[in-house]
């Protein structure tokens, strides 16, 4: 819900959660050699990139003073 409401604290939190999930998925791939799971890891990495990019945009807005009311 924090990402939808554009709360700044939610972006790093989501990245940490996704990062831990990706580590778990990598552990599972090492044991199962599942191509499908490896594909899901790639998708999760793309989602992490998009979250990181959006976080940068929100930080720029706040630094510029346009997003001060949304904190």
C-alpha atoms as a PDB file:
ATOM      1  CA  UNK A   1       0.000   0.000   0.000  1.00  0.00           C
ATOM      2  CA  UNK A   2       2.899   2.344   0.658  1.00  0.00           C
ATOM      3  CA  UNK A   3       4.100   2.157  -2.944  1.00  0.00           C
ATOM      4  CA  UNK A   4       0.624   2.881  -4.268  1.00  0.00           C
ATOM      5  CA  UNK A   5       0.320   5.885  -1.953  1.00  0.00           C
ATOM      6  CA  UNK A   6       3.845   6.950  -2.943  1.00  0.00           C
ATOM      7  CA  UNK A   7       5.206   6.948   0.606  1.00  0.00           C
ATOM      8  CA  UNK A   8       8.946   7.469   0.375  1.00  0.00           C
ATOM      9  CA  UNK A   9       9.796   4.904   3.075  1.00  0.00           C
ATOM     10  CA  UNK A  10       8.051   2.148   1.115  1.00  0.00           C
ATOM     11  CA  UNK A  11      10.481   2.177  -1.806  1.00  0.00           C
ATOM     12  CA  UNK A  12      13.628   1.064   0.080  1.00  0.00           C
ATOM     13  CA  UNK A  13      11.509  -1.361   2.113  1.00  0.00           C
ATOM     14  CA  UNK A  14      10.176  -2.952  -1.069  1.00  0.00           C
ATOM     15  CA  UNK A  15      13.704  -3.224  -2.461  1.00  0.00           C
ATOM     16  CA  UNK A  16      14.901  -5.012   0.684  1.00  0.00           C
ATOM     17  CA  UNK A  17      11.946  -7.417   0.625  1.00  0.00           C
ATOM     18  CA  UNK A  18      12.408  -8.149  -3.079  1.00  0.00           C
ATOM     19  CA  UNK A  19      16.155  -8.561  -2.536  1.00  0.00           C
ATOM     20  CA  UNK A  20      15.616 -11.148   0.179  1.00  0.00           C
ATOM     21  CA  UNK A  21      13.049 -12.924  -1.967  1.00  0.00           C
ATOM     22  CA  UNK A  22      15.473 -12.985  -4.915  1.00  0.00           C
ATOM     23  CA  UNK A  23      18.179 -14.472  -2.685  1.00  0.00           C
ATOM     24  CA  UNK A  24      15.768 -17.214  -1.643  1.00  0.00           C
ATOM     25  CA  UNK A  25      14.843 -17.843  -5.271  1.00  0.00           C
ATOM     26  CA  UNK A  26      18.527 -18.107  -6.194  1.00  0.00           C
ATOM     27  CA  UNK A  27      18.994 -20.655  -3.424  1.00  0.00           C
ATOM     28  CA  UNK A  28      16.085 -22.669  -4.835  1.00  0.00           C
ATOM     29  CA  UNK A  29      17.446 -22.456  -8.397  1.00  0.00           C
ATOM     30  CA  UNK A  30      20.791 -23.800  -7.163  1.00  0.00           C
ATOM     31  CA  UNK A  31      19.020 -26.890  -5.856  1.00  0.00           C
ATOM     32  CA  UNK A  32      16.318 -27.444  -8.469  1.00  0.00           C
ATOM     33  CA  UNK A  33      17.936 -26.033 -11.630  1.00  0.00           C
ATOM     34  CA  UNK A  34      14.518 -24.720 -12.636  1.00  0.00           C
ATOM     35  CA  UNK A  35      14.508 -22.565 -15.774  1.00  0.00           C
ATOM     36  CA  UNK A  36      11.083 -21.177 -14.868  1.00  0.00           C
ATOM     37  CA  UNK A  37      12.313 -19.985 -11.491  1.00  0.00           C
ATOM     38  CA  UNK A  38      15.339 -18.371 -13.139  1.00  0.00           C
ATOM     39  CA  UNK A  39      12.956 -16.515 -15.441  1.00  0.00           C
ATOM     40  CA  UNK A  40      10.972 -15.305 -12.430  1.00  0.00           C
ATOM     41  CA  UNK A  41      14.204 -14.019 -10.882  1.00  0.00           C
ATOM     42  CA  UNK A  42      14.824 -11.980 -14.031  1.00  0.00           C
ATOM     43  CA  UNK A  43      11.308 -10.525 -13.815  1.00  0.00           C
ATOM     44  CA  UNK A  44      11.826  -9.672 -10.139  1.00  0.00           C
ATOM     45  CA  UNK A  45      15.086  -7.908 -11.009  1.00  0.00           C
ATOM     46  CA  UNK A  46      13.228  -5.792 -13.578  1.00  0.00           C
ATOM     47  CA  UNK A  47      10.621  -4.904 -10.941  1.00  0.00           C
ATOM     48  CA  UNK A  48      13.420  -3.921  -8.530  1.00  0.00           C
ATOM     49  CA  UNK A  49      14.922  -1.692 -11.203  1.00  0.00           C
ATOM     50  CA  UNK A  50      11.572  -0.001 -11.780  1.00  0.00           C
ATOM     51  CA  UNK A  51      11.086   0.543  -8.043  1.00  0.00           C
ATOM     52  CA  UNK A  52      14.604   2.020  -7.770  1.00  0.00           C
ATOM     53  CA  UNK A  53      13.952   4.328 -10.729  1.00  0.00           C
ATOM     54  CA  UNK A  54      10.628   5.522  -9.356  1.00  0.00           C
ATOM     55  CA  UNK A  55      12.260   6.121  -5.962  1.00  0.00           C
ATOM     56  CA  UNK A  56      14.814   8.349  -7.685  1.00  0.00           C
ATOM     57  CA  UNK A  57      12.054  10.334  -9.376  1.00  0.00           C
ATOM     58  CA  UNK A  58      10.220  10.814  -6.064  1.00  0.00           C
ATOM     59  CA  UNK A  59      13.424  11.937  -4.349  1.00  0.00           C
ATOM     60  CA  UNK A  60      14.053  14.475  -7.117  1.00  0.00           C
ATOM     61  CA  UNK A  61      10.514  15.840  -6.700  1.00  0.00           C
ATOM     62  CA  UNK A  62      11.015  16.248  -2.962  1.00  0.00           C
ATOM     63  CA  UNK A  63      14.439  17.818  -3.424  1.00  0.00           C
ATOM     64  CA  UNK A  64      12.909  20.283  -5.889  1.00  0.00           C
ATOM     65  CA  UNK A  65      10.205  21.153  -3.347  1.00  0.00           C
ATOM     66  CA  UNK A  66       7.297  19.906  -5.450  1.00  0.00           C
ATOM     67  CA  UNK A  67       6.446  16.886  -3.314  1.00  0.00           C
ATOM     68  CA  UNK A  68       6.663  18.435   0.140  1.00  0.00           C
ATOM     69  CA  UNK A  69       2.922  17.978   0.750  1.00  0.00           C
ATOM     70  CA  UNK A  70       3.075  14.232  -0.017  1.00  0.00           C
ATOM     71  CA  UNK A  71       5.420  13.258   2.841  1.00  0.00           C
END
